[in-house]
């Protein structure tokens, strides 16, 4: 079975080969040198952002074959679709 990370890498490689503009989006937290946690990114943000040739913004959430969206990811999807952006939940590069 292909992992989520392998699928994500395949999608990023595909977008690069097609010469699309794209960004790998990340969120989480790390500790700064003083040991305090510093959050970055937006909770629920999709894994990849790209612009389609038409200029339409597309957000891609990558999941394993059995992975499920979190509540924050569903809220993020609703938010971006409400602004007219496209959103895809994919489990393999062919999707």
Protein backbone atom coordinates (compact mmCIF):
# COMPACT_ATOMS: atom_id res chain seq x y z
CA UNK A 1 0.00 0.00 0.00
CA UNK A 2 1.25 3.48 -0.89
CA UNK A 3 1.71 5.83 2.05
CA UNK A 4 0.30 9.33 2.26
CA UNK A 5 3.84 10.74 2.04
CA UNK A 6 4.58 8.74 -1.13
CA UNK A 7 1.33 9.91 -2.73
CA UNK A 8 2.07 13.51 -1.78
CA UNK A 9 5.58 13.27 -3.27
CA UNK A 10 4.15 11.82 -6.51
CA UNK A 11 1.65 14.70 -6.76
CA UNK A 12 4.36 17.31 -6.15
CA UNK A 13 6.55 15.66 -8.80
CA UNK A 14 3.63 15.66 -11.27
CA UNK A 15 2.89 19.35 -10.66
CA UNK A 16 6.58 20.20 -11.11
CA UNK A 17 6.77 18.19 -14.35
CA UNK A 18 3.72 20.07 -15.66
CA UNK A 19 5.38 23.35 -14.56
CA UNK A 20 2.38 24.38 -12.47
CA UNK A 21 2.79 26.94 -9.72
CA UNK A 22 2.36 25.08 -6.42
CA UNK A 23 3.27 25.21 -2.76
CA UNK A 24 3.51 22.51 -0.12
CA UNK A 25 1.52 23.84 2.81
CA UNK A 26 2.56 22.92 6.34
CA UNK A 27 1.16 23.54 9.77
CA UNK A 28 2.14 22.43 13.22
CA UNK A 29 4.32 23.55 16.09
CA UNK A 30 7.99 23.53 17.03
CA UNK A 31 9.87 24.71 20.08
CA UNK A 32 11.94 27.87 19.75
CA UNK A 33 15.46 28.07 21.24
CA UNK A 34 13.94 29.16 24.57
CA UNK A 35 11.81 26.00 24.62
CA UNK A 36 8.47 27.71 23.99
CA UNK A 37 6.14 26.20 21.39
CA UNK A 38 5.60 28.26 18.25
CA UNK A 39 2.65 27.39 16.02
CA UNK A 40 2.76 27.88 12.26
CA UNK A 41 0.35 27.43 9.40
CA UNK A 42 -3.43 27.19 9.60
CA UNK A 43 -5.19 24.26 11.29
CA UNK A 44 -6.92 22.10 8.68
CA UNK A 45 -5.08 23.66 5.75
CA UNK A 46 -4.80 21.38 2.71
CA UNK A 47 -1.43 19.77 1.98
CA UNK A 48 -0.86 21.39 -1.42
CA UNK A 49 -1.93 24.64 -3.06
CA UNK A 50 -1.72 25.09 -6.83
CA UNK A 51 -3.11 27.27 -9.57
CA UNK A 52 -4.76 25.48 -12.48
CA UNK A 53 -3.94 26.69 -16.02
CA UNK A 54 -7.25 28.58 -15.95
CA UNK A 55 -6.04 30.49 -12.88
CA UNK A 56 -8.50 28.71 -10.56
CA UNK A 57 -6.96 28.11 -7.12
CA UNK A 58 -6.92 24.40 -6.19
CA UNK A 59 -6.31 23.04 -2.71
CA UNK A 60 -5.32 19.34 -2.50
CA UNK A 61 -5.70 17.28 0.66
CA UNK A 62 -3.76 14.01 0.41
CA UNK A 63 -4.95 10.98 2.38
CA UNK A 64 -3.94 7.35 2.61
CA UNK A 65 -6.42 4.81 1.25
CA UNK A 66 -8.10 4.67 4.67
CA UNK A 67 -7.42 8.23 5.89
CA UNK A 68 -10.28 10.52 6.90
CA UNK A 69 -10.55 14.30 7.01
CA UNK A 70 -10.45 15.93 10.42
CA UNK A 71 -13.13 18.40 11.47
CA UNK A 72 -10.63 21.25 10.90
CA UNK A 73 -9.91 19.96 7.38
CA UNK A 74 -13.62 19.84 6.57
CA UNK A 75 -14.01 23.41 7.86
CA UNK A 76 -11.06 24.52 5.73
CA UNK A 77 -12.64 22.85 2.68
CA UNK A 78 -15.95 24.64 3.30
CA UNK A 79 -14.14 27.97 3.72
CA UNK A 80 -12.11 27.81 0.49
CA UNK A 81 -15.01 26.43 -1.56
CA UNK A 82 -17.13 29.28 -0.20
CA UNK A 83 -14.60 31.66 -1.77
CA UNK A 84 -14.86 29.94 -5.15
CA UNK A 85 -11.70 27.85 -4.90
CA UNK A 86 -11.56 24.20 -5.94
CA UNK A 87 -10.73 21.53 -3.32
CA UNK A 88 -9.83 17.90 -3.85
CA UNK A 89 -9.34 15.06 -1.41
CA UNK A 90 -7.11 12.54 -3.19
CA UNK A 91 -5.76 9.12 -2.33
CA UNK A 92 -3.47 8.63 -5.33
CA UNK A 93 -1.75 10.68 -8.01
CA UNK A 94 -4.25 9.59 -10.68
CA UNK A 95 -7.10 11.35 -8.89
